[in-house]
Amino acid sequence: MSTAILDAEKIPGQSLDIKTVIAADPKAVYQFRAKRLAELAEESELTEYFGLLEQLVGAQEKVAALYGEAAKSCFGPLPKLDLSQSQPMAQQHFEWGNYWQSVLLELISELMPKVSTDLHVVLKELAKVKADVLQGYAQSMLGGRFAEVPAQYSLFIWAALSVYWSHWAVNVAQTLADEAEAHKRLCPVCGSHPVGSVIKEEPRVGLRYLHCSLCETEWHEVRAECTSCGESKGVFLWAETETNAAIRVESCDTCQGYTKMFFTDINPRLEVAADDLATLVMDSHLVEQGYSATTVNPLLLAHEQEVEPQLSKEPQLSKEPQPKVGDIH
């Protein structure tokens, strides 16, 4: 049974005298994610799918590790960015072109010899899709309109976009980190939704960072507020069994949203995208209670659910009284 274990008002606030943005090391991120996926594949009933994801993320790691002329050929020239504006790498704010399609072809080339016959056919078809059609798919996905993209392609397209965005996001994130500005529900670099919350041991025990679903950047958010609407009342933490569980869910009665929290200070093996996928049963509990996810998992995009686009407005507060949160059976 999952139980609401703590009201957010009982969580002490945190000083923002910390690094507000943490730039990703893309190669290290993908390497750690692939390792965790391999571990979870041995424990999950979805062994085949986790195995595919391990191969895909491993391919991302190889492309992310390119340097010199190989990297220039794959990622193209440094995009022109206006760092003075909010979310400088949101798709609306710079000319990102179609170099990400070179990344996609690299991923497909890496995967083709390893996948099943059926998936081999899918990848072969994807490699032949016209550039303008691919660009339209990318624009739809970056705008949160996943239903406009063939489900069999979405996982691989997002993987390519992620490698491209994370490659160029590093310097942007480092610049933002020096500004000591508080950031909220969307990624301060690219405006994308988070995968979930990560509770870290460093630079200080207990700090919460949201992890971007696109560029892999992390940004700080206090633990006494809903990560979606910013409300502090009516926010609860849920756990499967105990109060010190390494994976919990934060729900908000104001916006009826929820996000998972991964306490890497308790279990350093946790990886936000992989372990979110491995704990979908927790999502089903929250959905049964009337809550909706405020996050996007890059490893689970072959669905018809649409999410709010980048740079979307804050959700309107409900005027109706929300039901009291209790036990989930």
C-alpha atoms as a PDB file:
ATOM      1  CA  MET A   1       0.000   0.000   0.000  1.00  0.00           C
ATOM      2  CA  SER A   2       1.239   3.475  -0.860  1.00  0.00           C
ATOM      3  CA  THR A   3       0.681   6.142   1.759  1.00  0.00           C
ATOM      4  CA  ALA A   4       0.878   9.919   1.914  1.00  0.00           C
ATOM      5  CA  ILE A   5       3.734  10.317   4.366  1.00  0.00           C
ATOM      6  CA  LEU A   6       4.514  14.009   4.689  1.00  0.00           C
ATOM      7  CA  ASP A   7       2.929  17.378   4.025  1.00  0.00           C
ATOM      8  CA  ALA A   8       5.272  19.757   2.194  1.00  0.00           C
ATOM      9  CA  GLU A   9       4.688  22.425   4.856  1.00  0.00           C
ATOM     10  CA  LYS A  10       6.703  20.224   7.200  1.00  0.00           C
ATOM     11  CA  ILE A  11       9.703  20.240   4.840  1.00  0.00           C
ATOM     12  CA  PRO A  12      12.076  23.064   5.738  1.00  0.00           C
ATOM     13  CA  GLY A  13      12.797  25.611   3.034  1.00  0.00           C
ATOM     14  CA  GLN A  14      16.263  25.810   1.518  1.00  0.00           C
ATOM     15  CA  SER A  15      18.543  28.707   0.808  1.00  0.00           C
ATOM     16  CA  LEU A  16      19.249  29.386  -2.866  1.00  0.00           C
ATOM     17  CA  ASP A  17      22.860  30.169  -2.018  1.00  0.00           C
ATOM     18  CA  ILE A  18      23.773  27.154  -4.141  1.00  0.00           C
ATOM     19  CA  LYS A  19      24.425  26.286  -7.765  1.00  0.00           C
ATOM     20  CA  THR A  20      21.004  26.746  -9.361  1.00  0.00           C
ATOM     21  CA  VAL A  21      21.867  24.993 -12.631  1.00  0.00           C
ATOM     22  CA  ILE A  22      24.098  21.964 -13.183  1.00  0.00           C
ATOM     23  CA  ALA A  23      25.395  21.365 -16.708  1.00  0.00           C
ATOM     24  CA  ALA A  24      25.279  17.787 -17.936  1.00  0.00           C
ATOM     25  CA  ASP A  25      28.203  15.686 -19.084  1.00  0.00           C
ATOM     26  CA  PRO A  26      26.241  13.950 -21.881  1.00  0.00           C
ATOM     27  CA  LYS A  27      28.596  11.004 -22.281  1.00  0.00           C
ATOM     28  CA  ALA A  28      28.574  10.336 -18.528  1.00  0.00           C
ATOM     29  CA  VAL A  29      24.786  10.714 -18.324  1.00  0.00           C
ATOM     30  CA  TYR A  30      24.175   8.166 -21.077  1.00  0.00           C
ATOM     31  CA  GLN A  31      26.815   5.805 -19.720  1.00  0.00           C
ATOM     32  CA  PHE A  32      25.244   5.803 -16.259  1.00  0.00           C
ATOM     33  CA  ARG A  33      21.734   5.430 -17.711  1.00  0.00           C
ATOM     34  CA  ALA A  34      22.744   2.467 -19.890  1.00  0.00           C
ATOM     35  CA  LYS A  35      24.342   0.741 -16.914  1.00  0.00           C
ATOM     36  CA  ARG A  36      21.202   1.208 -14.828  1.00  0.00           C
ATOM     37  CA  LEU A  37      18.977  -0.047 -17.643  1.00  0.00           C
ATOM     38  CA  ALA A  38      21.083  -3.213 -17.837  1.00  0.00           C
ATOM     39  CA  GLU A  39      20.591  -3.755 -14.094  1.00  0.00           C
ATOM     40  CA  LEU A  40      16.847  -3.169 -14.297  1.00  0.00           C
ATOM     41  CA  ALA A  41      16.508  -5.477 -17.301  1.00  0.00           C
ATOM     42  CA  GLU A  42      17.478  -8.392 -15.070  1.00  0.00           C
ATOM     43  CA  GLU A  43      14.772  -7.497 -12.545  1.00  0.00           C
ATOM     44  CA  SER A  44      11.936  -6.385 -14.819  1.00  0.00           C
ATOM     45  CA  GLU A  45       9.262  -8.337 -16.673  1.00  0.00           C
ATOM     46  CA  LEU A  46      10.012  -5.962 -19.578  1.00  0.00           C
ATOM     47  CA  THR A  47      13.450  -7.443 -20.137  1.00  0.00           C
ATOM     48  CA  GLU A  48      13.319  -7.116 -23.929  1.00  0.00           C
ATOM     49  CA  TYR A  49      12.275  -3.468 -23.844  1.00  0.00           C
ATOM     50  CA  PHE A  50      14.876  -2.536 -21.242  1.00  0.00           C
ATOM     51  CA  GLY A  51      17.451  -4.322 -23.377  1.00  0.00           C
ATOM     52  CA  LEU A  52      16.468  -2.214 -26.386  1.00  0.00           C
ATOM     53  CA  LEU A  53      16.705   0.950 -24.310  1.00  0.00           C
ATOM     54  CA  GLU A  54      20.155  -0.070 -23.092  1.00  0.00           C
ATOM     55  CA  GLN A  55      21.271  -0.423 -26.712  1.00  0.00           C
ATOM     56  CA  LEU A  56      19.728   2.932 -27.677  1.00  0.00           C
ATOM     57  CA  VAL A  57      21.272   4.806 -24.763  1.00  0.00           C
ATOM     58  CA  GLY A  58      24.583   3.093 -25.441  1.00  0.00           C
ATOM     59  CA  ALA A  59      24.385   4.436 -28.998  1.00  0.00           C
ATOM     60  CA  GLN A  60      23.671   7.897 -27.596  1.00  0.00           C
ATOM     61  CA  GLU A  61      26.778   7.585 -25.452  1.00  0.00           C
ATOM     62  CA  LYS A  62      28.944   6.766 -28.485  1.00  0.00           C
ATOM     63  CA  VAL A  63      27.644   9.731 -30.494  1.00  0.00           C
ATOM     64  CA  ALA A  64      27.966  12.064 -27.513  1.00  0.00           C
ATOM     65  CA  ALA A  65      31.621  11.033 -27.231  1.00  0.00           C
ATOM     66  CA  LEU A  66      32.492  12.216 -30.752  1.00  0.00           C
ATOM     67  CA  TYR A  67      35.066  14.990 -30.960  1.00  0.00           C
ATOM     68  CA  GLY A  68      37.065  16.942 -33.512  1.00  0.00           C
ATOM     69  CA  GLU A  69      36.025  16.662 -37.156  1.00  0.00           C
ATOM     70  CA  ALA A  70      33.682  13.775 -36.423  1.00  0.00           C
ATOM     71  CA  ALA A  71      31.740  15.903 -33.930  1.00  0.00           C
ATOM     72  CA  LYS A  72      31.695  18.877 -36.298  1.00  0.00           C
ATOM     73  CA  SER A  73      30.298  16.725 -39.081  1.00  0.00           C
ATOM     74  CA  CYS A  74      27.610  15.303 -36.819  1.00  0.00           C
ATOM     75  CA  PHE A  75      26.577  18.335 -34.767  1.00  0.00           C
ATOM     76  CA  GLY A  76      27.330  21.121 -37.234  1.00  0.00           C
ATOM     77  CA  PRO A  77      28.459  24.638 -36.293  1.00  0.00           C
ATOM     78  CA  LEU A  78      27.835  26.255 -32.931  1.00  0.00           C
ATOM     79  CA  PRO A  79      24.265  27.614 -33.056  1.00  0.00           C
ATOM     80  CA  LYS A  80      23.736  31.333 -32.537  1.00  0.00           C
ATOM     81  CA  LEU A  81      22.148  31.768 -29.130  1.00  0.00           C
ATOM     82  CA  ASP A  82      20.884  34.825 -27.285  1.00  0.00           C
ATOM     83  CA  LEU A  83      21.861  34.093 -23.693  1.00  0.00           C
ATOM     84  CA  SER A  84      20.068  37.222 -22.470  1.00  0.00           C
ATOM     85  CA  GLN A  85      16.636  35.692 -22.999  1.00  0.00           C
ATOM     86  CA  SER A  86      14.852  33.070 -20.955  1.00  0.00           C
ATOM     87  CA  GLN A  87      15.397  29.475 -22.075  1.00  0.00           C
ATOM     88  CA  PRO A  88      17.846  30.354 -24.875  1.00  0.00           C
ATOM     89  CA  MET A  89      17.766  26.845 -26.372  1.00  0.00           C
ATOM     90  CA  ALA A  90      13.989  26.540 -26.595  1.00  0.00           C
ATOM     91  CA  GLN A  91      13.143  25.674 -30.191  1.00  0.00           C
ATOM     92  CA  GLN A  92      11.471  29.082 -30.669  1.00  0.00           C
ATOM     93  CA  HIS A  93      14.620  30.972 -29.689  1.00  0.00           C
ATOM     94  CA  PHE A  94      17.310  29.782 -32.106  1.00  0.00           C
ATOM     95  CA  GLU A  95      17.897  28.302 -35.537  1.00  0.00           C
ATOM     96  CA  TRP A  96      18.516  24.673 -34.739  1.00  0.00           C
ATOM     97  CA  GLY A  97      18.355  23.441 -38.321  1.00  0.00           C
ATOM     98  CA  ASN A  98      18.484  19.744 -39.165  1.00  0.00           C
ATOM     99  CA  TYR A  99      21.909  18.680 -37.923  1.00  0.00           C
ATOM    100  CA  TRP A 100      20.098  16.590 -35.344  1.00  0.00           C
ATOM    101  CA  GLN A 101      19.146  14.353 -38.282  1.00  0.00           C
ATOM    102  CA  SER A 102      22.818  13.463 -38.671  1.00  0.00           C
ATOM    103  CA  VAL A 103      22.706  12.325 -35.056  1.00  0.00           C
ATOM    104  CA  LEU A 104      19.631  10.245 -35.835  1.00  0.00           C
ATOM    105  CA  LEU A 105      21.402   8.488 -38.720  1.00  0.00           C
ATOM    106  CA  GLU A 106      24.373   7.761 -36.463  1.00  0.00           C
ATOM    107  CA  LEU A 107      22.059   6.197 -33.877  1.00  0.00           C
ATOM    108  CA  ILE A 108      20.283   4.125 -36.509  1.00  0.00           C
ATOM    109  CA  SER A 109      23.608   2.926 -37.940  1.00  0.00           C
ATOM    110  CA  GLU A 110      24.735   1.883 -34.477  1.00  0.00           C
ATOM    111  CA  LEU A 111      21.487   0.048 -33.684  1.00  0.00           C
ATOM    112  CA  MET A 112      20.766  -1.742 -36.965  1.00  0.00           C
ATOM    113  CA  PRO A 113      23.147  -4.701 -36.456  1.00  0.00           C
ATOM    114  CA  LYS A 114      21.877  -5.304 -32.916  1.00  0.00           C
ATOM    115  CA  VAL A 115      18.077  -5.142 -32.998  1.00  0.00           C
ATOM    116  CA  SER A 116      15.373  -7.663 -33.872  1.00  0.00           C
ATOM    117  CA  THR A 117      14.178  -8.191 -37.425  1.00  0.00           C
ATOM    118  CA  ASP A 118      10.957  -6.236 -36.831  1.00  0.00           C
ATOM    119  CA  LEU A 119      12.774  -3.284 -35.334  1.00  0.00           C
ATOM    120  CA  HIS A 120      15.368  -3.440 -38.085  1.00  0.00           C
ATOM    121  CA  VAL A 121      12.538  -2.797 -40.563  1.00  0.00           C
ATOM    122  CA  VAL A 122      11.311   0.178 -38.524  1.00  0.00           C
ATOM    123  CA  LEU A 123      14.773   1.736 -38.366  1.00  0.00           C
ATOM    124  CA  LYS A 124      15.336   1.165 -42.072  1.00  0.00           C
ATOM    125  CA  GLU A 125      12.067   2.975 -42.816  1.00  0.00           C
ATOM    126  CA  LEU A 126      12.956   5.810 -40.438  1.00  0.00           C
ATOM    127  CA  ALA A 127      16.313   6.307 -42.158  1.00  0.00           C
ATOM    128  CA  LYS A 128      14.469   6.877 -45.448  1.00  0.00           C
ATOM    129  CA  VAL A 129      11.991   9.473 -44.154  1.00  0.00           C
ATOM    130  CA  LYS A 130      12.425  12.784 -45.998  1.00  0.00           C
ATOM    131  CA  ALA A 131      14.278  15.554 -44.178  1.00  0.00           C
ATOM    132  CA  ASP A 132      11.334  17.980 -44.192  1.00  0.00           C
ATOM    133  CA  VAL A 133       9.022  15.319 -42.770  1.00  0.00           C
ATOM    134  CA  LEU A 134      11.538  14.515 -40.019  1.00  0.00           C
ATOM    135  CA  GLN A 135      11.803  18.202 -39.249  1.00  0.00           C
ATOM    136  CA  GLY A 136       8.046  18.383 -38.846  1.00  0.00           C
ATOM    137  CA  TYR A 137       8.115  15.399 -36.501  1.00  0.00           C
ATOM    138  CA  ALA A 138      10.821  17.081 -34.413  1.00  0.00           C
ATOM    139  CA  GLN A 139       8.867  20.333 -34.180  1.00  0.00           C
ATOM    140  CA  SER A 140       5.784  18.435 -33.051  1.00  0.00           C
ATOM    141  CA  MET A 141       7.670  16.541 -30.369  1.00  0.00           C
ATOM    142  CA  LEU A 142       9.462  19.618 -29.078  1.00  0.00           C
ATOM    143  CA  GLY A 143       6.052  21.265 -28.855  1.00  0.00           C
ATOM    144  CA  GLY A 144       4.693  18.369 -26.790  1.00  0.00           C
ATOM    145  CA  ARG A 145       2.439  17.067 -29.580  1.00  0.00           C
ATOM    146  CA  PHE A 146       3.638  13.459 -29.560  1.00  0.00           C
ATOM    147  CA  ALA A 147       0.429  12.156 -31.158  1.00  0.00           C
ATOM    148  CA  GLU A 148       1.466  13.832 -34.433  1.00  0.00           C
ATOM    149  CA  VAL A 149       4.488  11.520 -34.746  1.00  0.00           C
ATOM    150  CA  PRO A 150       4.294   7.817 -35.672  1.00  0.00           C
ATOM    151  CA  ALA A 151       4.645   5.968 -32.383  1.00  0.00           C
ATOM    152  CA  GLN A 152       7.274   3.577 -33.751  1.00  0.00           C
ATOM    153  CA  TYR A 153       9.577   6.528 -34.544  1.00  0.00           C
ATOM    154  CA  SER A 154       9.150   8.816 -31.540  1.00  0.00           C
ATOM    155  CA  LEU A 155      11.605   7.079 -29.195  1.00  0.00           C
ATOM    156  CA  PHE A 156      14.445   7.304 -31.703  1.00  0.00           C
ATOM    157  CA  ILE A 157      13.703  10.848 -32.865  1.00  0.00           C
ATOM    158  CA  TRP A 158      13.696  12.132 -29.283  1.00  0.00           C
ATOM    159  CA  ALA A 159      16.920  10.248 -28.577  1.00  0.00           C
ATOM    160  CA  ALA A 160      18.598  12.079 -31.471  1.00  0.00           C
ATOM    161  CA  LEU A 161      17.189  15.444 -30.426  1.00  0.00           C
ATOM    162  CA  SER A 162      18.428  14.829 -26.888  1.00  0.00           C
ATOM    163  CA  VAL A 163      21.988  14.090 -28.031  1.00  0.00           C
ATOM    164  CA  TYR A 164      22.020  17.237 -30.202  1.00  0.00           C
ATOM    165  CA  TRP A 165      20.530  19.500 -27.528  1.00  0.00           C
ATOM    166  CA  SER A 166      22.701  18.133 -24.714  1.00  0.00           C
ATOM    167  CA  HIS A 167      25.823  18.655 -26.847  1.00  0.00           C
ATOM    168  CA  TRP A 168      25.218  22.400 -27.134  1.00  0.00           C
ATOM    169  CA  ALA A 169      23.486  22.911 -23.786  1.00  0.00           C
ATOM    170  CA  VAL A 170      26.613  22.476 -21.669  1.00  0.00           C
ATOM    171  CA  ASN A 171      28.006  25.987 -22.133  1.00  0.00           C
ATOM    172  CA  VAL A 172      24.551  27.549 -21.785  1.00  0.00           C
ATOM    173  CA  ALA A 173      23.928  25.728 -18.512  1.00  0.00           C
ATOM    174  CA  GLN A 174      27.318  26.752 -17.166  1.00  0.00           C
ATOM    175  CA  THR A 175      26.534  30.385 -17.971  1.00  0.00           C
ATOM    176  CA  LEU A 176      23.149  30.194 -16.249  1.00  0.00           C
ATOM    177  CA  ALA A 177      24.726  28.541 -13.215  1.00  0.00           C
ATOM    178  CA  ASP A 178      26.807  31.673 -12.636  1.00  0.00           C
ATOM    179  CA  GLU A 179      23.713  33.891 -12.505  1.00  0.00           C
ATOM    180  CA  ALA A 180      22.335  32.400  -9.268  1.00  0.00           C
ATOM    181  CA  GLU A 181      18.768  32.812 -10.542  1.00  0.00           C
ATOM    182  CA  ALA A 182      15.988  30.578  -9.273  1.00  0.00           C
ATOM    183  CA  HIS A 183      14.270  28.499 -11.951  1.00  0.00           C
ATOM    184  CA  LYS A 184      10.942  26.742 -11.819  1.00  0.00           C
ATOM    185  CA  ARG A 185       8.938  24.096 -13.645  1.00  0.00           C
ATOM    186  CA  LEU A 186      10.608  24.058 -17.098  1.00  0.00           C
ATOM    187  CA  CYS A 187      14.269  23.670 -18.004  1.00  0.00           C
ATOM    188  CA  PRO A 188      16.052  27.057 -17.894  1.00  0.00           C
ATOM    189  CA  VAL A 189      18.194  26.021 -20.881  1.00  0.00           C
ATOM    190  CA  CYS A 190      15.687  24.589 -23.374  1.00  0.00           C
ATOM    191  CA  GLY A 191      12.243  25.021 -21.810  1.00  0.00           C
ATOM    192  CA  SER A 192      11.448  21.294 -21.758  1.00  0.00           C
ATOM    193  CA  HIS A 193       9.654  19.387 -19.014  1.00  0.00           C
ATOM    194  CA  PRO A 194      11.641  17.488 -16.380  1.00  0.00           C
ATOM    195  CA  VAL A 195      11.817  13.710 -16.164  1.00  0.00           C
ATOM    196  CA  GLY A 196      11.556  13.921 -12.393  1.00  0.00           C
ATOM    197  CA  SER A 197      13.174  15.221  -9.216  1.00  0.00           C
ATOM    198  CA  VAL A 198      16.571  14.036  -8.034  1.00  0.00           C
ATOM    199  CA  ILE A 199      17.509  14.444  -4.373  1.00  0.00           C
ATOM    200  CA  LYS A 200      21.273  14.735  -4.202  1.00  0.00           C
ATOM    201  CA  GLU A 201      23.996  14.164  -1.650  1.00  0.00           C
ATOM    202  CA  GLU A 202      26.250  16.799  -3.210  1.00  0.00           C
ATOM    203  CA  PRO A 203      26.887  19.738  -3.132  1.00  0.00           C
ATOM    204  CA  ARG A 204      24.708  19.459  -0.006  1.00  0.00           C
ATOM    205  CA  VAL A 205      22.650  16.561   1.311  1.00  0.00           C
ATOM    206  CA  GLY A 206      18.951  16.820   0.520  1.00  0.00           C
ATOM    207  CA  LEU A 207      18.998  19.351  -2.318  1.00  0.00           C
ATOM    208  CA  ARG A 208      16.411  18.775  -5.034  1.00  0.00           C
ATOM    209  CA  TYR A 209      17.179  19.179  -8.727  1.00  0.00           C
ATOM    210  CA  LEU A 210      14.812  18.664 -11.650  1.00  0.00           C
ATOM    211  CA  HIS A 211      16.347  16.730 -14.557  1.00  0.00           C
ATOM    212  CA  CYS A 212      15.547  17.891 -18.100  1.00  0.00           C
ATOM    213  CA  SER A 213      13.955  15.361 -20.452  1.00  0.00           C
ATOM    214  CA  LEU A 214      15.701  16.858 -23.504  1.00  0.00           C
ATOM    215  CA  CYS A 215      19.101  18.449 -22.800  1.00  0.00           C
ATOM    216  CA  GLU A 216      19.847  16.559 -19.531  1.00  0.00           C
ATOM    217  CA  THR A 217      20.494  19.804 -17.599  1.00  0.00           C
ATOM    218  CA  GLU A 218      19.523  19.865 -13.922  1.00  0.00           C
ATOM    219  CA  TRP A 219      18.135  22.868 -12.077  1.00  0.00           C
ATOM    220  CA  HIS A 220      17.429  23.477  -8.417  1.00  0.00           C
ATOM    221  CA  GLU A 221      13.931  23.626  -6.980  1.00  0.00           C
ATOM    222  CA  VAL A 222      13.067  23.865  -3.279  1.00  0.00           C
ATOM    223  CA  ARG A 223      11.367  20.843  -1.764  1.00  0.00           C
ATOM    224  CA  ALA A 224       8.607  22.801  -0.025  1.00  0.00           C
ATOM    225  CA  GLU A 225       6.767  23.608  -3.282  1.00  0.00           C
ATOM    226  CA  CYS A 226       4.965  21.802  -6.081  1.00  0.00           C
ATOM    227  CA  THR A 227       7.311  21.624  -9.068  1.00  0.00           C
ATOM    228  CA  SER A 228       4.441  22.405 -11.444  1.00  0.00           C
ATOM    229  CA  CYS A 229       2.356  25.218  -9.930  1.00  0.00           C
ATOM    230  CA  GLY A 230       4.620  26.403  -7.093  1.00  0.00           C
ATOM    231  CA  GLU A 231       1.993  25.883  -4.395  1.00  0.00           C
ATOM    232  CA  SER A 232       3.189  24.776  -0.946  1.00  0.00           C
ATOM    233  CA  LYS A 233      -0.134  23.773   0.615  1.00  0.00           C
ATOM    234  CA  GLY A 234      -1.711  20.451  -0.134  1.00  0.00           C
ATOM    235  CA  VAL A 235       1.524  18.901  -1.359  1.00  0.00           C
ATOM    236  CA  PHE A 236       2.126  15.337  -0.195  1.00  0.00           C
ATOM    237  CA  LEU A 237       4.807  12.714  -0.584  1.00  0.00           C
ATOM    238  CA  TRP A 238       3.828   9.127  -1.305  1.00  0.00           C
ATOM    239  CA  ALA A 239       5.889   5.973  -0.885  1.00  0.00           C
ATOM    240  CA  GLU A 240       5.285   2.291  -1.467  1.00  0.00           C
ATOM    241  CA  THR A 241       6.181   1.196   2.048  1.00  0.00           C
ATOM    242  CA  GLU A 242       8.236   3.448   4.280  1.00  0.00           C
ATOM    243  CA  THR A 243       9.052   7.084   5.008  1.00  0.00           C
ATOM    244  CA  ASN A 244      12.695   6.742   3.975  1.00  0.00           C
ATOM    245  CA  ALA A 245      11.968   5.074   0.621  1.00  0.00           C
ATOM    246  CA  ALA A 246      14.456   5.888  -2.108  1.00  0.00           C
ATOM    247  CA  ILE A 247      11.668   6.572  -4.654  1.00  0.00           C
ATOM    248  CA  ARG A 248       8.641   8.663  -3.711  1.00  0.00           C
ATOM    249  CA  VAL A 249       5.934  10.601  -5.496  1.00  0.00           C
ATOM    250  CA  GLU A 250       5.046  14.218  -4.803  1.00  0.00           C
ATOM    251  CA  SER A 251       1.407  15.120  -5.465  1.00  0.00           C
ATOM    252  CA  CYS A 252      -0.291  18.532  -5.423  1.00  0.00           C
ATOM    253  CA  ASP A 253      -3.948  19.073  -4.603  1.00  0.00           C
ATOM    254  CA  THR A 254      -3.902  22.516  -6.236  1.00  0.00           C
ATOM    255  CA  CYS A 255      -2.950  21.551  -9.803  1.00  0.00           C
ATOM    256  CA  GLN A 256      -3.642  17.807  -9.441  1.00  0.00           C
ATOM    257  CA  GLY A 257      -0.181  17.048 -10.784  1.00  0.00           C
ATOM    258  CA  TYR A 258       2.499  14.672  -9.572  1.00  0.00           C
ATOM    259  CA  THR A 259       6.198  14.031 -10.075  1.00  0.00           C
ATOM    260  CA  LYS A 260       8.499  11.301  -8.804  1.00  0.00           C
ATOM    261  CA  MET A 261      11.406  11.995  -6.492  1.00  0.00           C
ATOM    262  CA  PHE A 262      14.559   9.887  -6.683  1.00  0.00           C
ATOM    263  CA  PHE A 263      16.644  10.014  -3.515  1.00  0.00           C
ATOM    264  CA  THR A 264      20.131   9.285  -4.804  1.00  0.00           C
ATOM    265  CA  ASP A 265      21.475  10.201  -1.377  1.00  0.00           C
ATOM    266  CA  ILE A 266      19.713   7.027  -0.191  1.00  0.00           C
ATOM    267  CA  ASN A 267      20.366   4.873  -3.260  1.00  0.00           C
ATOM    268  CA  PRO A 268      23.118   6.230  -5.539  1.00  0.00           C
ATOM    269  CA  ARG A 269      22.332   3.592  -8.193  1.00  0.00           C
ATOM    270  CA  LEU A 270      19.066   5.322  -9.109  1.00  0.00           C
ATOM    271  CA  GLU A 271      18.863   6.968 -12.537  1.00  0.00           C
ATOM    272  CA  VAL A 272      15.947   9.308 -13.090  1.00  0.00           C
ATOM    273  CA  ALA A 273      14.743   8.141 -16.534  1.00  0.00           C
ATOM    274  CA  ALA A 274      15.438   4.419 -16.079  1.00  0.00           C
ATOM    275  CA  ASP A 275      13.963   4.144 -12.598  1.00  0.00           C
ATOM    276  CA  ASP A 276      10.943   6.230 -13.526  1.00  0.00           C
ATOM    277  CA  LEU A 277      10.180   3.659 -16.210  1.00  0.00           C
ATOM    278  CA  ALA A 278      10.765   0.813 -13.767  1.00  0.00           C
ATOM    279  CA  THR A 279       8.195   2.172 -11.284  1.00  0.00           C
ATOM    280  CA  LEU A 280       5.146   2.714 -13.508  1.00  0.00           C
ATOM    281  CA  VAL A 281       2.997   0.981 -10.902  1.00  0.00           C
ATOM    282  CA  MET A 282       3.396   4.101  -8.762  1.00  0.00           C
ATOM    283  CA  ASP A 283       2.050   6.185 -11.643  1.00  0.00           C
ATOM    284  CA  SER A 284      -1.036   3.996 -11.867  1.00  0.00           C
ATOM    285  CA  HIS A 285      -1.749   4.584  -8.167  1.00  0.00           C
ATOM    286  CA  LEU A 286      -1.613   8.350  -8.587  1.00  0.00           C
ATOM    287  CA  VAL A 287      -3.698   8.303 -11.780  1.00  0.00           C
ATOM    288  CA  GLU A 288      -6.366   6.305  -9.928  1.00  0.00           C
ATOM    289  CA  GLN A 289      -6.477   9.132  -7.394  1.00  0.00           C
ATOM    290  CA  GLY A 290      -7.115  11.699 -10.149  1.00  0.00           C
ATOM    291  CA  TYR A 291      -3.594  13.103 -10.541  1.00  0.00           C
ATOM    292  CA  SER A 292      -1.694  13.610 -13.807  1.00  0.00           C
ATOM    293  CA  ALA A 293       2.043  13.446 -14.468  1.00  0.00           C
ATOM    294  CA  THR A 294       3.765  16.809 -14.952  1.00  0.00           C
ATOM    295  CA  THR A 295       6.878  15.144 -16.367  1.00  0.00           C
ATOM    296  CA  VAL A 296       8.089  13.555 -19.621  1.00  0.00           C
ATOM    297  CA  ASN A 297      10.167  10.380 -19.800  1.00  0.00           C
ATOM    298  CA  PRO A 298      12.425  10.212 -22.906  1.00  0.00           C
ATOM    299  CA  LEU A 299      12.367   6.419 -22.703  1.00  0.00           C
ATOM    300  CA  LEU A 300       8.576   6.181 -22.921  1.00  0.00           C
ATOM    301  CA  LEU A 301       7.298   8.376 -25.748  1.00  0.00           C
ATOM    302  CA  ALA A 302       5.395   5.924 -27.959  1.00  0.00           C
ATOM    303  CA  HIS A 303       1.964   7.031 -26.765  1.00  0.00           C
ATOM    304  CA  GLU A 304      -0.879   9.356 -27.670  1.00  0.00           C
ATOM    305  CA  GLN A 305      -0.696  11.587 -24.596  1.00  0.00           C
ATOM    306  CA  GLU A 306       0.038  15.228 -25.279  1.00  0.00           C
ATOM    307  CA  VAL A 307       1.862  17.475 -22.836  1.00  0.00           C
ATOM    308  CA  GLU A 308       2.077  21.221 -22.557  1.00  0.00           C
ATOM    309  CA  PRO A 309       4.581  22.735 -24.994  1.00  0.00           C
ATOM    310  CA  GLN A 310       7.786  24.504 -24.099  1.00  0.00           C
ATOM    311  CA  LEU A 311       7.337  28.021 -22.757  1.00  0.00           C
ATOM    312  CA  SER A 312       3.744  27.234 -21.808  1.00  0.00           C
ATOM    313  CA  LYS A 313       1.953  29.315 -19.194  1.00  0.00           C
ATOM    314  CA  GLU A 314       1.643  28.250 -15.575  1.00  0.00           C
ATOM    315  CA  PRO A 315      -1.473  26.092 -15.017  1.00  0.00           C
ATOM    316  CA  GLN A 316      -4.587  27.816 -13.679  1.00  0.00           C
ATOM    317  CA  LEU A 317      -5.363  27.091 -10.037  1.00  0.00           C
ATOM    318  CA  SER A 318      -8.516  25.059  -9.527  1.00  0.00           C
ATOM    319  CA  LYS A 319     -11.374  26.900  -7.850  1.00  0.00           C
ATOM    320  CA  GLU A 320     -13.031  23.680  -6.764  1.00  0.00           C
ATOM    321  CA  PRO A 321     -12.102  22.192  -3.388  1.00  0.00           C
ATOM    322  CA  GLN A 322      -9.785  19.228  -3.842  1.00  0.00           C
ATOM    323  CA  PRO A 323     -10.464  15.887  -2.121  1.00  0.00           C
ATOM    324  CA  LYS A 324      -8.404  15.066   0.940  1.00  0.00           C
ATOM    325  CA  VAL A 325      -5.452  12.866   0.083  1.00  0.00           C
ATOM    326  CA  GLY A 326      -5.369   9.569   1.912  1.00  0.00           C
ATOM    327  CA  ASP A 327      -4.064   6.060   1.485  1.00  0.00           C
ATOM    328  CA  ILE A 328      -3.771   4.506  -1.956  1.00  0.00           C
ATOM    329  CA  HIS A 329      -5.009   0.917  -1.959  1.00  0.00           C
END
